[in-house]
Amino acid sequence: MSTLGQVRERVRRDLHDEDASSYRWTDDVLNRHIERALAKVSKVAPHEKTVSKGLTGGNREVSVADLTDRVVVEAVEYPVGKHPPSRVRFNQWGDTLMLNLPGEPTAGESVTVYYGALHRLTDSASTLPEALEELVITGAAAYAALEWAAYAVNRLNVGGQDVWRQYLTWAEERMADFELQLARIGRRSGFRARKLFHPDDGEL
């Protein structure tokens, strides 16, 4: 998997902004666009995580407020450790899960929460699968070009009066491709969530 610096260099390559002596976009600006694209990708293909949450006697509510990188709660396992895993229905209100448990929970019991989180991409680590890196690069480059085109409109620049329009056209094409791929992944992810996590199908 690539680091943030490697992804940023690939974004620059797409933008034809590889002359370090005269970068059009600073690293900080491109990092912001990468983060924006990463968040969009995380919404449809989040980082899959689990966490154990303790139950107090008689309490069917579980707080997920501490899961600050949470995108979606997919499933809740209770009781823990059965095979196949046993899931329970739940309602979510804000940061609280209200569980439809088969009986009164006792002190010391726990549930396992399956949830999707925002992907992380830094200069030392990444949770983003390689298969999704190019999609993040596409989105980040599109955001960067759109921002530059908006800034350059009605401004004289060394490339000529129509440079901003060329960037805008290129950015809109990239953005359309980005959104199309997000929609496709979203449909696959939705099917997978229903198949794997619906409490009526008998399998996790």
N, C-alpha and C. Protein backbone atom coordinates (compact mmCIF):
# COMPACT_ATOMS: atom_id res chain seq x y z
N MET A 1 0.84 -1.19 0.00
CA MET A 1 0.00 0.00 0.00
C MET A 1 0.88 1.25 0.00
N SER A 2 0.39 2.29 -0.63
CA SER A 2 1.16 3.52 -0.78
C SER A 2 0.99 4.44 0.43
N THR A 3 2.01 5.26 0.67
CA THR A 3 1.93 6.27 1.71
C THR A 3 1.30 7.54 1.13
N LEU A 4 1.04 8.50 2.02
CA LEU A 4 0.47 9.77 1.58
C LEU A 4 1.38 10.44 0.57
N GLY A 5 2.69 10.46 0.83
CA GLY A 5 3.61 11.10 -0.10
C GLY A 5 3.60 10.46 -1.47
N GLN A 6 3.50 9.14 -1.52
CA GLN A 6 3.46 8.44 -2.80
C GLN A 6 2.16 8.73 -3.55
N VAL A 7 1.06 8.76 -2.82
CA VAL A 7 -0.22 9.09 -3.46
C VAL A 7 -0.20 10.52 -3.98
N ARG A 8 0.37 11.42 -3.20
CA ARG A 8 0.44 12.83 -3.62
C ARG A 8 1.27 12.97 -4.90
N GLU A 9 2.37 12.24 -5.00
CA GLU A 9 3.18 12.31 -6.21
C GLU A 9 2.40 11.79 -7.43
N ARG A 10 1.58 10.78 -7.23
CA ARG A 10 0.76 10.27 -8.34
C ARG A 10 -0.32 11.26 -8.73
N VAL A 11 -0.83 12.01 -7.76
CA VAL A 11 -1.78 13.08 -8.08
C VAL A 11 -1.09 14.15 -8.90
N ARG A 12 0.11 14.53 -8.50
CA ARG A 12 0.87 15.53 -9.27
C ARG A 12 1.12 15.05 -10.70
N ARG A 13 1.40 13.76 -10.85
CA ARG A 13 1.63 13.22 -12.18
C ARG A 13 0.39 13.40 -13.05
N ASP A 14 -0.76 13.12 -12.49
CA ASP A 14 -2.02 13.28 -13.24
C ASP A 14 -2.26 14.75 -13.59
N LEU A 15 -1.84 15.63 -12.71
CA LEU A 15 -2.05 17.07 -12.91
C LEU A 15 -0.93 17.70 -13.74
N HIS A 16 0.07 16.93 -14.11
CA HIS A 16 1.25 17.46 -14.82
C HIS A 16 1.89 18.59 -14.01
N ASP A 17 2.06 18.34 -12.72
CA ASP A 17 2.61 19.33 -11.81
C ASP A 17 3.81 18.71 -11.08
N GLU A 18 4.82 18.32 -11.86
CA GLU A 18 5.94 17.57 -11.31
C GLU A 18 7.24 18.37 -11.23
N ASP A 19 7.22 19.65 -11.59
CA ASP A 19 8.41 20.49 -11.50
C ASP A 19 8.48 21.06 -10.09
N ALA A 20 9.33 20.48 -9.25
CA ALA A 20 9.40 20.88 -7.84
C ALA A 20 9.81 22.33 -7.65
N SER A 21 10.42 22.93 -8.66
CA SER A 21 10.84 24.33 -8.53
C SER A 21 9.68 25.30 -8.75
N SER A 22 8.57 24.81 -9.29
CA SER A 22 7.44 25.71 -9.54
C SER A 22 6.11 24.96 -9.45
N TYR A 23 5.92 24.28 -8.33
CA TYR A 23 4.66 23.57 -8.13
C TYR A 23 3.47 24.54 -8.20
N ARG A 24 2.43 24.12 -8.88
CA ARG A 24 1.20 24.92 -8.91
C ARG A 24 0.41 24.70 -7.63
N TRP A 25 0.45 23.48 -7.09
CA TRP A 25 -0.25 23.16 -5.84
C TRP A 25 0.79 22.81 -4.78
N THR A 26 0.64 23.37 -3.59
CA THR A 26 1.53 23.01 -2.49
C THR A 26 1.16 21.62 -1.98
N ASP A 27 2.08 21.02 -1.21
CA ASP A 27 1.78 19.72 -0.62
C ASP A 27 0.55 19.79 0.27
N ASP A 28 0.44 20.86 1.07
CA ASP A 28 -0.70 20.99 1.98
C ASP A 28 -2.02 21.05 1.23
N VAL A 29 -2.04 21.76 0.11
CA VAL A 29 -3.27 21.86 -0.68
C VAL A 29 -3.64 20.51 -1.26
N LEU A 30 -2.67 19.81 -1.82
CA LEU A 30 -2.96 18.48 -2.38
C LEU A 30 -3.36 17.50 -1.29
N ASN A 31 -2.74 17.61 -0.11
CA ASN A 31 -3.12 16.74 1.00
C ASN A 31 -4.59 16.95 1.36
N ARG A 32 -5.03 18.20 1.30
CA ARG A 32 -6.44 18.49 1.62
C ARG A 32 -7.37 17.86 0.59
N HIS A 33 -7.00 17.91 -0.68
CA HIS A 33 -7.83 17.30 -1.71
C HIS A 33 -7.81 15.77 -1.61
N ILE A 34 -6.66 15.22 -1.26
CA ILE A 34 -6.57 13.77 -1.05
C ILE A 34 -7.46 13.36 0.11
N GLU A 35 -7.42 14.13 1.19
CA GLU A 35 -8.26 13.82 2.36
C GLU A 35 -9.75 13.89 2.00
N ARG A 36 -10.11 14.84 1.18
CA ARG A 36 -11.51 14.96 0.76
C ARG A 36 -11.94 13.75 -0.08
N ALA A 37 -11.10 13.35 -1.01
CA ALA A 37 -11.41 12.18 -1.84
C ALA A 37 -11.42 10.91 -0.99
N LEU A 38 -10.50 10.82 -0.04
CA LEU A 38 -10.42 9.66 0.84
C LEU A 38 -11.69 9.52 1.67
N ALA A 39 -12.21 10.64 2.14
CA ALA A 39 -13.45 10.61 2.92
C ALA A 39 -14.62 10.12 2.08
N LYS A 40 -14.68 10.56 0.82
CA LYS A 40 -15.76 10.12 -0.07
C LYS A 40 -15.66 8.62 -0.33
N VAL A 41 -14.46 8.13 -0.56
CA VAL A 41 -14.27 6.70 -0.80
C VAL A 41 -14.62 5.91 0.46
N SER A 42 -14.26 6.45 1.62
CA SER A 42 -14.55 5.77 2.88
C SER A 42 -16.04 5.61 3.12
N LYS A 43 -16.84 6.52 2.59
CA LYS A 43 -18.29 6.44 2.77
C LYS A 43 -18.87 5.21 2.09
N VAL A 44 -18.29 4.80 0.97
CA VAL A 44 -18.84 3.67 0.21
C VAL A 44 -18.04 2.39 0.41
N ALA A 45 -16.78 2.51 0.83
CA ALA A 45 -15.94 1.34 1.07
C ALA A 45 -15.08 1.60 2.30
N PRO A 46 -15.70 1.63 3.48
CA PRO A 46 -14.97 2.00 4.69
C PRO A 46 -13.99 0.94 5.15
N HIS A 47 -13.11 1.35 6.05
CA HIS A 47 -12.19 0.44 6.70
C HIS A 47 -13.01 -0.41 7.69
N GLU A 48 -12.95 -1.74 7.55
CA GLU A 48 -13.77 -2.63 8.37
C GLU A 48 -13.10 -2.86 9.72
N LYS A 49 -13.84 -2.58 10.80
CA LYS A 49 -13.28 -2.70 12.14
C LYS A 49 -14.31 -3.33 13.09
N THR A 50 -13.83 -3.85 14.20
CA THR A 50 -14.69 -4.36 15.26
C THR A 50 -14.23 -3.79 16.59
N VAL A 51 -15.16 -3.72 17.53
CA VAL A 51 -14.83 -3.27 18.87
C VAL A 51 -15.74 -3.98 19.86
N SER A 52 -15.20 -4.33 21.02
CA SER A 52 -15.99 -4.96 22.07
C SER A 52 -16.54 -3.88 22.99
N LYS A 53 -17.84 -4.01 23.31
CA LYS A 53 -18.49 -3.05 24.19
C LYS A 53 -19.15 -3.79 25.34
N GLY A 54 -18.86 -3.37 26.56
CA GLY A 54 -19.44 -4.01 27.72
C GLY A 54 -20.88 -3.59 27.95
N LEU A 55 -21.66 -4.51 28.53
CA LEU A 55 -23.05 -4.24 28.88
C LEU A 55 -23.18 -4.23 30.40
N THR A 56 -23.97 -3.31 30.90
CA THR A 56 -24.30 -3.33 32.32
C THR A 56 -25.62 -4.05 32.49
N GLY A 57 -25.83 -4.64 33.65
CA GLY A 57 -27.02 -5.45 33.88
C GLY A 57 -28.30 -4.72 33.53
N GLY A 58 -29.09 -5.32 32.65
CA GLY A 58 -30.39 -4.76 32.30
C GLY A 58 -30.34 -3.63 31.30
N ASN A 59 -29.17 -3.20 30.87
CA ASN A 59 -29.04 -2.06 29.96
C ASN A 59 -28.87 -2.56 28.54
N ARG A 60 -29.78 -2.16 27.67
CA ARG A 60 -29.73 -2.57 26.27
C ARG A 60 -29.17 -1.48 25.36
N GLU A 61 -28.60 -0.45 25.93
CA GLU A 61 -28.04 0.64 25.14
C GLU A 61 -26.52 0.58 25.15
N VAL A 62 -25.92 0.85 23.99
CA VAL A 62 -24.46 0.84 23.84
C VAL A 62 -24.04 2.15 23.19
N SER A 63 -23.10 2.83 23.79
CA SER A 63 -22.60 4.08 23.22
C SER A 63 -21.47 3.79 22.23
N VAL A 64 -21.53 4.45 21.08
CA VAL A 64 -20.44 4.36 20.10
C VAL A 64 -19.81 5.74 19.89
N ALA A 65 -20.01 6.62 20.87
CA ALA A 65 -19.51 8.00 20.75
C ALA A 65 -18.00 8.05 20.64
N ASP A 66 -17.31 7.04 21.20
CA ASP A 66 -15.85 7.06 21.18
C ASP A 66 -15.28 6.59 19.85
N LEU A 67 -16.14 6.08 18.96
CA LEU A 67 -15.67 5.64 17.64
C LEU A 67 -15.68 6.86 16.71
N THR A 68 -14.71 7.73 16.90
CA THR A 68 -14.73 9.03 16.24
C THR A 68 -14.53 8.95 14.73
N ASP A 69 -13.94 7.84 14.26
CA ASP A 69 -13.73 7.69 12.82
C ASP A 69 -14.84 6.87 12.17
N ARG A 70 -15.95 6.68 12.89
CA ARG A 70 -17.04 5.82 12.43
C ARG A 70 -17.76 6.40 11.22
N VAL A 71 -18.01 5.53 10.24
CA VAL A 71 -18.83 5.88 9.08
C VAL A 71 -20.21 5.25 9.21
N VAL A 72 -20.24 3.95 9.57
CA VAL A 72 -21.50 3.24 9.67
C VAL A 72 -21.33 2.05 10.62
N VAL A 73 -22.39 1.75 11.37
CA VAL A 73 -22.42 0.53 12.17
C VAL A 73 -23.13 -0.53 11.33
N GLU A 74 -22.43 -1.65 11.09
CA GLU A 74 -22.96 -2.69 10.22
C GLU A 74 -23.74 -3.75 10.98
N ALA A 75 -23.21 -4.18 12.13
CA ALA A 75 -23.84 -5.29 12.84
C ALA A 75 -23.40 -5.30 14.29
N VAL A 76 -24.21 -5.98 15.11
CA VAL A 76 -23.88 -6.18 16.52
C VAL A 76 -24.00 -7.67 16.83
N GLU A 77 -22.94 -8.25 17.39
CA GLU A 77 -22.93 -9.66 17.74
C GLU A 77 -23.22 -9.85 19.23
N TYR A 78 -24.22 -10.71 19.52
CA TYR A 78 -24.56 -11.04 20.91
C TYR A 78 -25.39 -12.32 20.90
N PRO A 79 -25.08 -13.27 21.78
CA PRO A 79 -23.88 -13.32 22.64
C PRO A 79 -22.62 -13.54 21.82
N VAL A 80 -21.52 -13.14 22.36
CA VAL A 80 -20.24 -13.19 21.65
C VAL A 80 -19.67 -14.60 21.68
N GLY A 81 -19.07 -15.03 20.58
CA GLY A 81 -18.33 -16.28 20.55
C GLY A 81 -19.08 -17.47 20.01
N LYS A 82 -20.31 -17.30 19.58
CA LYS A 82 -21.05 -18.42 19.02
C LYS A 82 -20.62 -18.66 17.58
N HIS A 83 -20.84 -19.88 17.10
CA HIS A 83 -20.55 -20.18 15.69
C HIS A 83 -21.74 -20.93 15.09
N PRO A 84 -22.35 -20.38 14.03
CA PRO A 84 -22.01 -19.09 13.42
C PRO A 84 -22.34 -17.94 14.35
N PRO A 85 -21.74 -16.77 14.11
CA PRO A 85 -21.98 -15.62 14.99
C PRO A 85 -23.47 -15.28 15.08
N SER A 86 -23.88 -14.89 16.26
CA SER A 86 -25.28 -14.52 16.50
C SER A 86 -25.40 -13.00 16.51
N ARG A 87 -26.25 -12.48 15.64
CA ARG A 87 -26.42 -11.04 15.56
C ARG A 87 -27.79 -10.64 16.08
N VAL A 88 -27.89 -9.42 16.56
CA VAL A 88 -29.16 -8.91 17.07
C VAL A 88 -29.52 -7.64 16.31
N ARG A 89 -30.80 -7.40 16.22
CA ARG A 89 -31.26 -6.16 15.61
C ARG A 89 -30.97 -4.99 16.53
N PHE A 90 -30.80 -3.83 15.93
CA PHE A 90 -30.56 -2.63 16.74
C PHE A 90 -31.10 -1.41 16.00
N ASN A 91 -31.42 -0.39 16.77
CA ASN A 91 -31.74 0.93 16.24
C ASN A 91 -30.64 1.88 16.68
N GLN A 92 -30.34 2.85 15.85
CA GLN A 92 -29.30 3.81 16.19
C GLN A 92 -29.90 5.20 16.28
N TRP A 93 -29.62 5.86 17.39
CA TRP A 93 -30.04 7.25 17.57
C TRP A 93 -28.81 8.04 17.98
N GLY A 94 -28.29 8.82 17.03
CA GLY A 94 -27.06 9.55 17.31
C GLY A 94 -25.91 8.59 17.57
N ASP A 95 -25.32 8.71 18.76
CA ASP A 95 -24.18 7.87 19.12
C ASP A 95 -24.57 6.69 20.00
N THR A 96 -25.86 6.37 20.04
CA THR A 96 -26.34 5.29 20.89
C THR A 96 -27.01 4.19 20.07
N LEU A 97 -26.61 2.95 20.34
CA LEU A 97 -27.26 1.79 19.74
C LEU A 97 -28.24 1.22 20.77
N MET A 98 -29.48 1.03 20.35
CA MET A 98 -30.50 0.42 21.21
C MET A 98 -30.73 -0.99 20.70
N LEU A 99 -30.31 -1.97 21.49
CA LEU A 99 -30.26 -3.35 21.05
C LEU A 99 -31.57 -4.09 21.36
N ASN A 100 -31.99 -4.91 20.41
CA ASN A 100 -33.16 -5.77 20.60
C ASN A 100 -32.65 -7.13 21.06
N LEU A 101 -32.34 -7.25 22.36
CA LEU A 101 -31.75 -8.46 22.90
C LEU A 101 -32.82 -9.48 23.26
N PRO A 102 -32.47 -10.77 23.18
CA PRO A 102 -33.46 -11.81 23.49
C PRO A 102 -33.80 -11.91 24.97
N GLY A 103 -32.99 -11.33 25.83
CA GLY A 103 -33.25 -11.40 27.26
C GLY A 103 -32.52 -10.28 27.98
N GLU A 104 -32.58 -10.30 29.30
CA GLU A 104 -31.91 -9.28 30.09
C GLU A 104 -30.40 -9.53 30.10
N PRO A 105 -29.60 -8.56 29.66
CA PRO A 105 -28.15 -8.74 29.76
C PRO A 105 -27.72 -8.68 31.22
N THR A 106 -26.67 -9.39 31.53
CA THR A 106 -26.15 -9.38 32.89
C THR A 106 -24.83 -8.64 32.93
N ALA A 107 -24.48 -8.19 34.12
CA ALA A 107 -23.23 -7.45 34.29
C ALA A 107 -22.05 -8.31 33.85
N GLY A 108 -21.13 -7.73 33.11
CA GLY A 108 -19.95 -8.44 32.64
C GLY A 108 -20.07 -8.96 31.22
N GLU A 109 -21.30 -8.98 30.68
CA GLU A 109 -21.47 -9.41 29.29
C GLU A 109 -21.03 -8.29 28.35
N SER A 110 -20.77 -8.69 27.11
CA SER A 110 -20.35 -7.70 26.11
C SER A 110 -20.96 -8.02 24.76
N VAL A 111 -20.88 -7.07 23.86
CA VAL A 111 -21.27 -7.26 22.47
C VAL A 111 -20.08 -6.88 21.60
N THR A 112 -20.06 -7.39 20.39
CA THR A 112 -19.05 -6.98 19.41
C THR A 112 -19.74 -6.14 18.35
N VAL A 113 -19.25 -4.94 18.16
CA VAL A 113 -19.81 -4.02 17.17
C VAL A 113 -18.95 -4.07 15.92
N TYR A 114 -19.57 -4.37 14.79
CA TYR A 114 -18.91 -4.36 13.50
C TYR A 114 -19.23 -3.02 12.84
N TYR A 115 -18.20 -2.27 12.48
CA TYR A 115 -18.47 -0.96 11.91
C TYR A 115 -17.46 -0.60 10.82
N GLY A 116 -17.87 0.35 9.99
CA GLY A 116 -16.99 0.87 8.96
C GLY A 116 -16.43 2.20 9.40
N ALA A 117 -15.13 2.40 9.19
CA ALA A 117 -14.45 3.62 9.64
C ALA A 117 -13.79 4.33 8.46
N LEU A 118 -13.47 5.59 8.68
CA LEU A 118 -12.71 6.34 7.69
C LEU A 118 -11.34 5.70 7.49
N HIS A 119 -10.92 5.63 6.25
CA HIS A 119 -9.56 5.15 5.98
C HIS A 119 -8.55 6.20 6.43
N ARG A 120 -7.38 5.73 6.82
CA ARG A 120 -6.28 6.61 7.21
C ARG A 120 -5.15 6.49 6.20
N LEU A 121 -4.59 7.63 5.84
CA LEU A 121 -3.48 7.68 4.88
C LEU A 121 -2.49 8.72 5.37
N THR A 122 -1.33 8.26 5.81
CA THR A 122 -0.30 9.15 6.32
C THR A 122 1.02 8.85 5.63
N ASP A 123 2.06 9.55 6.03
CA ASP A 123 3.38 9.32 5.45
C ASP A 123 4.02 8.04 5.98
N SER A 124 3.40 7.40 6.96
CA SER A 124 3.99 6.18 7.51
C SER A 124 3.05 4.98 7.46
N ALA A 125 1.76 5.19 7.20
CA ALA A 125 0.82 4.07 7.24
C ALA A 125 -0.40 4.37 6.37
N SER A 126 -1.10 3.29 6.03
CA SER A 126 -2.31 3.43 5.23
C SER A 126 -3.23 2.23 5.48
N THR A 127 -4.54 2.50 5.57
CA THR A 127 -5.53 1.42 5.63
C THR A 127 -6.25 1.29 4.28
N LEU A 128 -5.87 2.10 3.31
CA LEU A 128 -6.54 2.11 2.02
C LEU A 128 -6.05 0.95 1.16
N PRO A 129 -6.94 0.05 0.73
CA PRO A 129 -6.51 -1.05 -0.15
C PRO A 129 -5.93 -0.51 -1.45
N GLU A 130 -4.97 -1.22 -1.99
CA GLU A 130 -4.35 -0.78 -3.25
C GLU A 130 -5.38 -0.63 -4.35
N ALA A 131 -6.42 -1.46 -4.33
CA ALA A 131 -7.44 -1.41 -5.38
C ALA A 131 -8.21 -0.10 -5.37
N LEU A 132 -8.17 0.65 -4.25
CA LEU A 132 -8.90 1.91 -4.16
C LEU A 132 -8.00 3.13 -4.28
N GLU A 133 -6.69 2.92 -4.35
CA GLU A 133 -5.78 4.06 -4.41
C GLU A 133 -6.00 4.90 -5.65
N GLU A 134 -6.16 4.26 -6.79
CA GLU A 134 -6.33 5.02 -8.03
C GLU A 134 -7.61 5.84 -8.00
N LEU A 135 -8.64 5.33 -7.32
CA LEU A 135 -9.89 6.08 -7.21
C LEU A 135 -9.69 7.34 -6.38
N VAL A 136 -8.96 7.23 -5.28
CA VAL A 136 -8.67 8.41 -4.46
C VAL A 136 -7.84 9.41 -5.26
N ILE A 137 -6.90 8.92 -6.04
CA ILE A 137 -6.07 9.81 -6.87
C ILE A 137 -6.93 10.53 -7.90
N THR A 138 -7.85 9.81 -8.52
CA THR A 138 -8.75 10.43 -9.50
C THR A 138 -9.56 11.54 -8.85
N GLY A 139 -10.13 11.26 -7.69
CA GLY A 139 -10.93 12.27 -7.01
C GLY A 139 -10.11 13.47 -6.56
N ALA A 140 -8.94 13.22 -5.99
CA ALA A 140 -8.10 14.32 -5.51
C ALA A 140 -7.65 15.22 -6.66
N ALA A 141 -7.26 14.62 -7.77
CA ALA A 141 -6.84 15.42 -8.94
C ALA A 141 -8.00 16.25 -9.46
N ALA A 142 -9.19 15.66 -9.48
CA ALA A 142 -10.37 16.39 -9.95
C ALA A 142 -10.67 17.58 -9.04
N TYR A 143 -10.62 17.37 -7.72
CA TYR A 143 -10.87 18.46 -6.77
C TYR A 143 -9.83 19.57 -6.94
N ALA A 144 -8.57 19.18 -7.12
CA ALA A 144 -7.51 20.17 -7.26
C ALA A 144 -7.69 20.99 -8.53
N ALA A 145 -8.00 20.33 -9.63
CA ALA A 145 -8.18 21.04 -10.90
C ALA A 145 -9.41 21.93 -10.88
N LEU A 146 -10.47 21.48 -10.24
CA LEU A 146 -11.67 22.31 -10.12
C LEU A 146 -11.39 23.58 -9.32
N GLU A 147 -10.64 23.42 -8.23
CA GLU A 147 -10.30 24.58 -7.41
C GLU A 147 -9.44 25.57 -8.20
N TRP A 148 -8.47 25.04 -8.94
CA TRP A 148 -7.59 25.93 -9.68
C TRP A 148 -8.36 26.64 -10.79
N ALA A 149 -9.26 25.92 -11.47
CA ALA A 149 -10.04 26.54 -12.55
C ALA A 149 -10.91 27.65 -12.00
N ALA A 150 -11.51 27.43 -10.82
CA ALA A 150 -12.35 28.46 -10.21
C ALA A 150 -11.51 29.69 -9.85
N TYR A 151 -10.30 29.45 -9.38
CA TYR A 151 -9.42 30.56 -9.00
C TYR A 151 -8.93 31.32 -10.24
N ALA A 152 -8.64 30.60 -11.31
CA ALA A 152 -8.00 31.20 -12.49
C ALA A 152 -8.98 31.91 -13.41
N VAL A 153 -10.27 31.64 -13.31
CA VAL A 153 -11.22 32.26 -14.22
C VAL A 153 -11.13 33.79 -14.09
N ASN A 154 -11.15 34.45 -15.22
CA ASN A 154 -11.05 35.92 -15.29
C ASN A 154 -9.69 36.47 -14.84
N ARG A 155 -8.70 35.57 -14.71
CA ARG A 155 -7.36 36.04 -14.37
C ARG A 155 -6.43 35.72 -15.53
N LEU A 156 -5.60 36.68 -15.89
CA LEU A 156 -4.62 36.46 -16.94
C LEU A 156 -3.53 35.54 -16.42
N ASN A 157 -3.18 34.48 -17.18
CA ASN A 157 -2.11 33.60 -16.75
C ASN A 157 -1.22 33.28 -17.95
N VAL A 158 -0.05 32.78 -17.66
CA VAL A 158 0.95 32.60 -18.70
C VAL A 158 0.56 31.55 -19.72
N GLY A 159 -0.37 30.71 -19.41
CA GLY A 159 -0.78 29.68 -20.35
C GLY A 159 -1.80 30.16 -21.36
N GLY A 160 -2.30 31.38 -21.19
CA GLY A 160 -3.32 31.88 -22.10
C GLY A 160 -4.67 31.96 -21.42
N GLN A 161 -5.58 32.66 -22.05
CA GLN A 161 -6.89 32.92 -21.47
C GLN A 161 -7.74 31.67 -21.30
N ASP A 162 -7.49 30.62 -22.07
CA ASP A 162 -8.35 29.44 -22.02
C ASP A 162 -7.80 28.31 -21.16
N VAL A 163 -6.69 28.55 -20.45
CA VAL A 163 -6.12 27.49 -19.63
C VAL A 163 -7.11 27.05 -18.55
N TRP A 164 -7.77 28.01 -17.90
CA TRP A 164 -8.72 27.66 -16.85
C TRP A 164 -9.85 26.78 -17.39
N ARG A 165 -10.26 27.08 -18.65
CA ARG A 165 -11.34 26.29 -19.24
C ARG A 165 -10.89 24.85 -19.52
N GLN A 166 -9.64 24.70 -19.94
CA GLN A 166 -9.11 23.37 -20.18
C GLN A 166 -9.03 22.57 -18.88
N TYR A 167 -8.60 23.24 -17.81
CA TYR A 167 -8.57 22.58 -16.51
C TYR A 167 -9.98 22.21 -16.05
N LEU A 168 -10.92 23.11 -16.29
CA LEU A 168 -12.29 22.85 -15.87
C LEU A 168 -12.87 21.64 -16.60
N THR A 169 -12.67 21.58 -17.90
CA THR A 169 -13.17 20.45 -18.69
C THR A 169 -12.54 19.15 -18.23
N TRP A 170 -11.23 19.17 -18.04
CA TRP A 170 -10.52 17.98 -17.58
C TRP A 170 -11.01 17.55 -16.20
N ALA A 171 -11.19 18.53 -15.31
CA ALA A 171 -11.63 18.24 -13.95
C ALA A 171 -13.04 17.67 -13.94
N GLU A 172 -13.92 18.22 -14.75
CA GLU A 172 -15.30 17.72 -14.79
C GLU A 172 -15.36 16.29 -15.30
N GLU A 173 -14.52 15.97 -16.27
CA GLU A 173 -14.47 14.59 -16.77
C GLU A 173 -13.97 13.64 -15.69
N ARG A 174 -12.92 14.05 -14.99
CA ARG A 174 -12.39 13.22 -13.92
C ARG A 174 -13.40 13.06 -12.78
N MET A 175 -14.09 14.15 -12.46
CA MET A 175 -15.06 14.09 -11.39
C MET A 175 -16.22 13.17 -11.74
N ALA A 176 -16.66 13.21 -12.99
CA ALA A 176 -17.74 12.33 -13.44
C ALA A 176 -17.32 10.87 -13.30
N ASP A 177 -16.07 10.56 -13.67
CA ASP A 177 -15.56 9.20 -13.54
C ASP A 177 -15.47 8.81 -12.07
N PHE A 178 -15.02 9.72 -11.23
CA PHE A 178 -14.92 9.49 -9.79
C PHE A 178 -16.28 9.15 -9.19
N GLU A 179 -17.28 9.96 -9.50
CA GLU A 179 -18.62 9.75 -8.96
C GLU A 179 -19.23 8.45 -9.48
N LEU A 180 -18.97 8.12 -10.75
CA LEU A 180 -19.49 6.88 -11.32
C LEU A 180 -18.91 5.67 -10.60
N GLN A 181 -17.61 5.69 -10.37
CA GLN A 181 -16.98 4.57 -9.68
C GLN A 181 -17.44 4.47 -8.23
N LEU A 182 -17.65 5.62 -7.58
CA LEU A 182 -18.18 5.60 -6.21
C LEU A 182 -19.55 4.95 -6.17
N ALA A 183 -20.40 5.30 -7.14
CA ALA A 183 -21.74 4.73 -7.19
C ALA A 183 -21.69 3.21 -7.38
N ARG A 184 -20.79 2.75 -8.23
CA ARG A 184 -20.66 1.31 -8.46
C ARG A 184 -20.20 0.59 -7.20
N ILE A 185 -19.22 1.14 -6.53
CA ILE A 185 -18.73 0.53 -5.30
C ILE A 185 -19.81 0.56 -4.23
N GLY A 186 -20.57 1.66 -4.17
CA GLY A 186 -21.63 1.78 -3.19
C GLY A 186 -22.69 0.72 -3.37
N ARG A 187 -23.03 0.41 -4.62
CA ARG A 187 -24.04 -0.63 -4.87
C ARG A 187 -23.51 -2.00 -4.43
N ARG A 188 -22.24 -2.27 -4.72
CA ARG A 188 -21.65 -3.55 -4.30
C ARG A 188 -21.57 -3.65 -2.78
N SER A 189 -21.19 -2.54 -2.13
CA SER A 189 -21.07 -2.54 -0.68
C SER A 189 -22.43 -2.71 -0.02
N GLY A 190 -23.46 -2.09 -0.59
CA GLY A 190 -24.79 -2.23 -0.04
C GLY A 190 -25.28 -3.66 -0.12
N PHE A 191 -25.01 -4.31 -1.24
CA PHE A 191 -25.39 -5.72 -1.40
C PHE A 191 -24.65 -6.58 -0.40
N ARG A 192 -23.35 -6.31 -0.25
CA ARG A 192 -22.54 -7.09 0.68
C ARG A 192 -23.04 -6.92 2.11
N ALA A 193 -23.37 -5.69 2.52
CA ALA A 193 -23.85 -5.46 3.88
C ALA A 193 -25.14 -6.21 4.14
N ARG A 194 -26.06 -6.19 3.18
CA ARG A 194 -27.32 -6.92 3.35
C ARG A 194 -27.08 -8.42 3.41
N LYS A 195 -26.17 -8.91 2.59
CA LYS A 195 -25.89 -10.34 2.53
C LYS A 195 -25.19 -10.84 3.79
N LEU A 196 -24.18 -10.09 4.25
CA LEU A 196 -23.34 -10.56 5.33
C LEU A 196 -23.87 -10.23 6.71
N PHE A 197 -24.61 -9.13 6.85
CA PHE A 197 -24.91 -8.64 8.18
C PHE A 197 -26.39 -8.64 8.56
N HIS A 198 -27.28 -9.02 7.63
CA HIS A 198 -28.69 -9.02 7.98
C HIS A 198 -28.95 -10.14 8.97
N PRO A 199 -29.59 -9.88 10.11
CA PRO A 199 -29.74 -10.89 11.15
C PRO A 199 -30.65 -12.05 10.78
N ASP A 200 -31.33 -12.00 9.65
CA ASP A 200 -32.22 -13.07 9.28
C ASP A 200 -31.59 -14.14 8.39
N ASP A 201 -30.38 -13.88 7.86
CA ASP A 201 -29.85 -14.81 6.87
C ASP A 201 -28.99 -15.92 7.44
N GLY A 202 -28.68 -15.81 8.74
CA GLY A 202 -28.01 -16.92 9.41
C GLY A 202 -26.51 -16.98 9.28
N GLU A 203 -25.90 -16.02 8.55
CA GLU A 203 -24.44 -16.02 8.42
C GLU A 203 -23.91 -14.63 8.56
N LEU A 204 -22.68 -14.54 9.07
CA LEU A 204 -22.00 -13.27 9.09
C LEU A 204 -21.10 -13.18 7.87
